[in-house]
N, C-alpha and C. Protein backbone atom coordinates (compact mmCIF):
# COMPACT_ATOMS: atom_id res chain seq x y z
N MET A 1 -2.46 6.06 -13.58
CA MET A 1 -2.47 4.99 -12.60
C MET A 1 -3.90 4.51 -12.38
N THR A 2 -4.03 3.23 -12.17
CA THR A 2 -5.33 2.67 -11.80
C THR A 2 -5.16 1.84 -10.54
N TRP A 3 -6.27 1.64 -9.84
CA TRP A 3 -6.25 0.79 -8.67
C TRP A 3 -7.57 0.05 -8.58
N GLU A 4 -7.49 -1.06 -7.88
CA GLU A 4 -8.69 -1.87 -7.64
C GLU A 4 -8.70 -2.24 -6.18
N ILE A 5 -9.82 -2.01 -5.53
CA ILE A 5 -9.95 -2.33 -4.11
C ILE A 5 -10.98 -3.45 -3.97
N THR A 6 -10.56 -4.53 -3.32
CA THR A 6 -11.48 -5.62 -3.04
C THR A 6 -11.39 -5.95 -1.55
N ILE A 7 -12.46 -6.51 -1.03
CA ILE A 7 -12.47 -6.89 0.39
C ILE A 7 -12.67 -8.39 0.48
N GLU A 8 -11.73 -9.03 1.17
CA GLU A 8 -11.78 -10.47 1.37
C GLU A 8 -11.72 -10.72 2.87
N GLY A 9 -12.87 -10.99 3.47
CA GLY A 9 -12.92 -11.16 4.92
C GLY A 9 -12.58 -9.85 5.61
N ASN A 10 -11.55 -9.86 6.47
CA ASN A 10 -11.15 -8.63 7.15
C ASN A 10 -9.91 -8.00 6.48
N VAL A 11 -9.66 -8.35 5.22
CA VAL A 11 -8.51 -7.81 4.49
C VAL A 11 -9.00 -6.95 3.33
N ILE A 12 -8.52 -5.73 3.30
CA ILE A 12 -8.76 -4.84 2.18
C ILE A 12 -7.57 -4.99 1.25
N LYS A 13 -7.81 -5.49 0.05
CA LYS A 13 -6.74 -5.72 -0.91
C LYS A 13 -6.76 -4.58 -1.94
N VAL A 14 -5.60 -3.94 -2.10
CA VAL A 14 -5.48 -2.80 -3.02
C VAL A 14 -4.43 -3.16 -4.07
N MET A 15 -4.88 -3.30 -5.32
CA MET A 15 -3.96 -3.58 -6.42
C MET A 15 -3.71 -2.26 -7.15
N ILE A 16 -2.44 -1.90 -7.24
CA ILE A 16 -2.04 -0.66 -7.91
C ILE A 16 -1.32 -1.00 -9.20
N GLU A 17 -1.72 -0.30 -10.27
CA GLU A 17 -1.07 -0.49 -11.56
C GLU A 17 -0.61 0.87 -12.08
N GLY A 18 0.66 0.94 -12.47
CA GLY A 18 1.18 2.19 -13.04
C GLY A 18 2.03 2.95 -12.05
N ARG A 19 1.83 4.27 -12.03
CA ARG A 19 2.67 5.18 -11.27
C ARG A 19 1.90 5.78 -10.10
N LEU A 20 2.34 5.49 -8.88
CA LEU A 20 1.72 6.09 -7.69
C LEU A 20 2.42 7.41 -7.42
N VAL A 21 1.85 8.47 -7.99
CA VAL A 21 2.45 9.81 -7.92
C VAL A 21 1.41 10.81 -7.41
N ALA A 22 1.86 12.05 -7.21
CA ALA A 22 1.03 13.09 -6.59
C ALA A 22 -0.35 13.22 -7.21
N ALA A 23 -0.47 13.13 -8.51
CA ALA A 23 -1.76 13.31 -9.18
C ALA A 23 -2.77 12.22 -8.79
N ALA A 24 -2.30 11.05 -8.46
CA ALA A 24 -3.19 9.93 -8.14
C ALA A 24 -3.52 9.83 -6.66
N VAL A 25 -2.71 10.44 -5.81
CA VAL A 25 -2.84 10.27 -4.36
C VAL A 25 -4.22 10.68 -3.83
N PRO A 26 -4.77 11.86 -4.18
CA PRO A 26 -6.06 12.24 -3.60
C PRO A 26 -7.18 11.24 -3.88
N GLY A 27 -7.26 10.73 -5.09
CA GLY A 27 -8.31 9.78 -5.43
C GLY A 27 -8.19 8.48 -4.66
N LEU A 28 -6.98 7.95 -4.59
CA LEU A 28 -6.76 6.71 -3.85
C LEU A 28 -7.02 6.92 -2.36
N ARG A 29 -6.57 8.04 -1.83
CA ARG A 29 -6.80 8.35 -0.41
C ARG A 29 -8.30 8.39 -0.13
N ASP A 30 -9.05 9.07 -0.98
CA ASP A 30 -10.50 9.16 -0.78
C ASP A 30 -11.15 7.78 -0.84
N ASP A 31 -10.75 6.96 -1.78
CA ASP A 31 -11.33 5.62 -1.91
C ASP A 31 -11.03 4.75 -0.68
N LEU A 32 -9.84 4.90 -0.13
CA LEU A 32 -9.45 4.05 1.00
C LEU A 32 -9.95 4.55 2.35
N ASN A 33 -10.06 5.85 2.52
CA ASN A 33 -10.44 6.38 3.83
C ASN A 33 -11.76 5.81 4.34
N GLY A 34 -12.72 5.65 3.47
CA GLY A 34 -14.00 5.09 3.90
C GLY A 34 -13.95 3.60 4.17
N GLN A 35 -12.96 2.93 3.62
CA GLN A 35 -12.85 1.47 3.76
C GLN A 35 -12.14 1.05 5.04
N ILE A 36 -11.17 1.85 5.46
CA ILE A 36 -10.32 1.45 6.59
C ILE A 36 -10.99 1.83 7.90
N THR A 37 -11.40 0.81 8.63
CA THR A 37 -12.03 1.00 9.93
C THR A 37 -11.24 0.20 10.96
N GLY A 38 -11.60 0.34 12.21
CA GLY A 38 -10.89 -0.35 13.28
C GLY A 38 -10.72 -1.84 13.03
N GLY A 39 -9.50 -2.30 13.15
CA GLY A 39 -9.20 -3.72 12.99
C GLY A 39 -9.01 -4.17 11.56
N ALA A 40 -9.15 -3.26 10.60
CA ALA A 40 -8.98 -3.64 9.19
C ALA A 40 -7.51 -3.94 8.89
N ASN A 41 -7.30 -4.95 8.09
CA ASN A 41 -5.98 -5.27 7.57
C ASN A 41 -5.93 -4.84 6.11
N VAL A 42 -4.77 -4.36 5.65
CA VAL A 42 -4.66 -3.87 4.28
C VAL A 42 -3.48 -4.55 3.60
N LEU A 43 -3.75 -5.08 2.42
CA LEU A 43 -2.72 -5.71 1.60
C LEU A 43 -2.60 -4.92 0.30
N PHE A 44 -1.42 -4.37 0.05
CA PHE A 44 -1.15 -3.69 -1.21
C PHE A 44 -0.44 -4.65 -2.15
N ASP A 45 -1.06 -4.93 -3.29
CA ASP A 45 -0.44 -5.73 -4.35
C ASP A 45 0.24 -4.74 -5.29
N LEU A 46 1.57 -4.68 -5.21
CA LEU A 46 2.34 -3.71 -5.98
C LEU A 46 3.04 -4.34 -7.18
N GLY A 47 2.60 -5.49 -7.59
CA GLY A 47 3.22 -6.21 -8.70
C GLY A 47 3.17 -5.47 -10.02
N LYS A 48 2.22 -4.55 -10.17
CA LYS A 48 2.10 -3.80 -11.42
C LYS A 48 2.40 -2.31 -11.23
N MET A 49 2.92 -1.95 -10.06
CA MET A 49 3.31 -0.55 -9.83
C MET A 49 4.72 -0.36 -10.37
N VAL A 50 4.88 0.59 -11.29
CA VAL A 50 6.17 0.78 -11.94
C VAL A 50 6.97 1.95 -11.38
N HIS A 51 6.31 2.84 -10.63
CA HIS A 51 7.01 4.02 -10.10
C HIS A 51 6.24 4.55 -8.89
N ILE A 52 6.97 5.16 -7.97
CA ILE A 52 6.35 5.84 -6.82
C ILE A 52 7.16 7.08 -6.53
N ASP A 53 6.47 8.18 -6.17
CA ASP A 53 7.18 9.39 -5.79
C ASP A 53 6.95 9.65 -4.30
N SER A 54 7.44 10.79 -3.81
CA SER A 54 7.34 11.08 -2.38
C SER A 54 5.89 11.20 -1.92
N SER A 55 5.01 11.69 -2.78
CA SER A 55 3.59 11.78 -2.42
C SER A 55 2.99 10.39 -2.24
N GLY A 56 3.36 9.47 -3.12
CA GLY A 56 2.90 8.09 -3.00
C GLY A 56 3.41 7.44 -1.73
N LEU A 57 4.69 7.67 -1.42
CA LEU A 57 5.25 7.13 -0.18
C LEU A 57 4.53 7.71 1.03
N GLY A 58 4.27 9.01 0.97
CA GLY A 58 3.56 9.67 2.07
C GLY A 58 2.19 9.07 2.29
N LEU A 59 1.48 8.78 1.21
CA LEU A 59 0.17 8.17 1.33
C LEU A 59 0.26 6.79 1.99
N LEU A 60 1.23 5.99 1.57
CA LEU A 60 1.38 4.65 2.18
C LEU A 60 1.68 4.76 3.67
N VAL A 61 2.50 5.74 4.06
CA VAL A 61 2.81 5.93 5.48
C VAL A 61 1.54 6.36 6.24
N GLN A 62 0.76 7.27 5.66
CA GLN A 62 -0.49 7.70 6.30
C GLN A 62 -1.44 6.52 6.49
N ILE A 63 -1.56 5.70 5.48
CA ILE A 63 -2.45 4.54 5.58
C ILE A 63 -1.95 3.57 6.64
N LEU A 64 -0.63 3.35 6.66
CA LEU A 64 -0.05 2.48 7.69
C LEU A 64 -0.38 2.99 9.09
N GLN A 65 -0.24 4.29 9.30
CA GLN A 65 -0.55 4.86 10.62
C GLN A 65 -2.01 4.65 10.99
N LYS A 66 -2.90 4.86 10.02
CA LYS A 66 -4.34 4.68 10.28
C LYS A 66 -4.67 3.23 10.59
N VAL A 67 -4.07 2.31 9.83
CA VAL A 67 -4.31 0.88 10.04
C VAL A 67 -3.81 0.46 11.42
N LYS A 68 -2.59 0.88 11.77
CA LYS A 68 -2.03 0.51 13.07
C LYS A 68 -2.83 1.11 14.22
N ALA A 69 -3.28 2.35 14.05
CA ALA A 69 -4.08 3.00 15.10
C ALA A 69 -5.37 2.25 15.36
N GLY A 70 -5.90 1.60 14.33
CA GLY A 70 -7.12 0.82 14.48
C GLY A 70 -6.89 -0.61 14.90
N GLY A 71 -5.62 -0.98 15.11
CA GLY A 71 -5.30 -2.33 15.55
C GLY A 71 -5.13 -3.33 14.42
N GLY A 72 -5.02 -2.84 13.19
CA GLY A 72 -4.84 -3.72 12.04
C GLY A 72 -3.39 -3.86 11.62
N LYS A 73 -3.21 -4.51 10.50
CA LYS A 73 -1.88 -4.79 9.97
C LYS A 73 -1.88 -4.44 8.49
N MET A 74 -0.76 -3.92 7.99
CA MET A 74 -0.64 -3.59 6.57
C MET A 74 0.60 -4.28 6.01
N ILE A 75 0.44 -4.88 4.83
CA ILE A 75 1.53 -5.57 4.16
C ILE A 75 1.61 -5.08 2.71
N LEU A 76 2.84 -4.88 2.25
CA LEU A 76 3.10 -4.55 0.85
C LEU A 76 3.64 -5.81 0.19
N ALA A 77 3.07 -6.19 -0.96
CA ALA A 77 3.49 -7.41 -1.64
C ALA A 77 3.92 -7.12 -3.06
N ALA A 78 4.89 -7.90 -3.52
CA ALA A 78 5.34 -7.90 -4.92
C ALA A 78 5.93 -6.57 -5.37
N LEU A 79 6.66 -5.91 -4.49
CA LEU A 79 7.31 -4.64 -4.82
C LEU A 79 8.34 -4.87 -5.93
N GLN A 80 8.20 -4.14 -7.01
CA GLN A 80 9.05 -4.30 -8.19
C GLN A 80 10.38 -3.57 -8.02
N PRO A 81 11.41 -3.93 -8.82
CA PRO A 81 12.76 -3.38 -8.64
C PRO A 81 12.85 -1.86 -8.70
N ALA A 82 12.21 -1.22 -9.67
CA ALA A 82 12.35 0.25 -9.79
C ALA A 82 11.76 0.98 -8.58
N PRO A 83 10.52 0.67 -8.17
CA PRO A 83 10.00 1.33 -6.97
C PRO A 83 10.77 0.94 -5.70
N LYS A 84 11.30 -0.29 -5.67
CA LYS A 84 12.05 -0.74 -4.50
C LYS A 84 13.26 0.15 -4.24
N ILE A 85 13.87 0.66 -5.31
CA ILE A 85 15.00 1.56 -5.16
C ILE A 85 14.59 2.79 -4.34
N VAL A 86 13.42 3.34 -4.64
CA VAL A 86 12.92 4.51 -3.91
C VAL A 86 12.69 4.15 -2.44
N PHE A 87 12.11 3.00 -2.18
CA PHE A 87 11.89 2.55 -0.80
C PHE A 87 13.22 2.42 -0.06
N ASP A 88 14.22 1.86 -0.73
CA ASP A 88 15.53 1.64 -0.10
C ASP A 88 16.28 2.94 0.13
N ILE A 89 16.29 3.82 -0.86
CA ILE A 89 17.02 5.10 -0.72
C ILE A 89 16.44 5.93 0.41
N THR A 90 15.12 5.96 0.51
CA THR A 90 14.47 6.76 1.55
C THR A 90 14.42 6.03 2.89
N LYS A 91 14.82 4.78 2.89
CA LYS A 91 14.83 3.92 4.07
C LYS A 91 13.42 3.64 4.61
N VAL A 92 12.41 3.96 3.83
CA VAL A 92 11.03 3.69 4.24
C VAL A 92 10.74 2.19 4.22
N SER A 93 11.58 1.43 3.54
CA SER A 93 11.37 -0.02 3.52
C SER A 93 11.49 -0.62 4.92
N ARG A 94 12.13 0.08 5.84
CA ARG A 94 12.24 -0.40 7.22
C ARG A 94 10.92 -0.29 7.98
N VAL A 95 10.05 0.59 7.50
CA VAL A 95 8.80 0.89 8.19
C VAL A 95 7.72 -0.14 7.86
N PHE A 96 7.77 -0.69 6.64
CA PHE A 96 6.72 -1.56 6.15
C PHE A 96 7.11 -3.03 6.22
N GLU A 97 6.10 -3.87 6.35
CA GLU A 97 6.30 -5.30 6.14
C GLU A 97 6.15 -5.52 4.64
N ILE A 98 7.21 -5.99 4.00
CA ILE A 98 7.22 -6.20 2.55
C ILE A 98 7.49 -7.67 2.30
N VAL A 99 6.60 -8.30 1.52
CA VAL A 99 6.75 -9.73 1.21
C VAL A 99 6.89 -9.89 -0.31
N PRO A 100 7.53 -10.98 -0.77
CA PRO A 100 7.81 -11.15 -2.19
C PRO A 100 6.57 -11.30 -3.07
N THR A 101 5.53 -11.97 -2.57
CA THR A 101 4.34 -12.20 -3.39
C THR A 101 3.10 -12.01 -2.52
N VAL A 102 1.96 -11.85 -3.18
CA VAL A 102 0.69 -11.74 -2.47
C VAL A 102 0.44 -12.99 -1.64
N ALA A 103 0.80 -14.14 -2.16
CA ALA A 103 0.59 -15.40 -1.43
C ALA A 103 1.39 -15.47 -0.14
N ASP A 104 2.47 -14.69 -0.05
CA ASP A 104 3.30 -14.68 1.16
C ASP A 104 2.75 -13.78 2.27
N ALA A 105 1.69 -13.05 1.99
CA ALA A 105 1.11 -12.14 2.98
C ALA A 105 0.21 -12.92 3.93
N HIS A 106 0.50 -12.83 5.22
CA HIS A 106 -0.29 -13.54 6.23
C HIS A 106 -0.74 -12.56 7.30
N PHE A 107 -2.02 -12.58 7.56
CA PHE A 107 -2.58 -11.69 8.58
C PHE A 107 -3.02 -12.48 9.78
């Protein structure tokens, strides 16, 4: 898995490519922890994410909690069909704001 983090104004944009699984979680968590401060908004571009496991879901929930605690907002964009099944089965899709495309994300 690879990821790219860019900052556009007060939005931290995280593009994930590949599989968000246990092996990748510590590196992504470390990269994001220093970036997310009070009031930060986070946009995950998941258009190239092909799989997610429970560790990946756990990381997204942790980040959501940190963002909300700081008064920010987090949006998941372009969730693909295979990972969407995992979100739906676990009912975690109810927790996140999920939009069809990155362009549909509004902060």
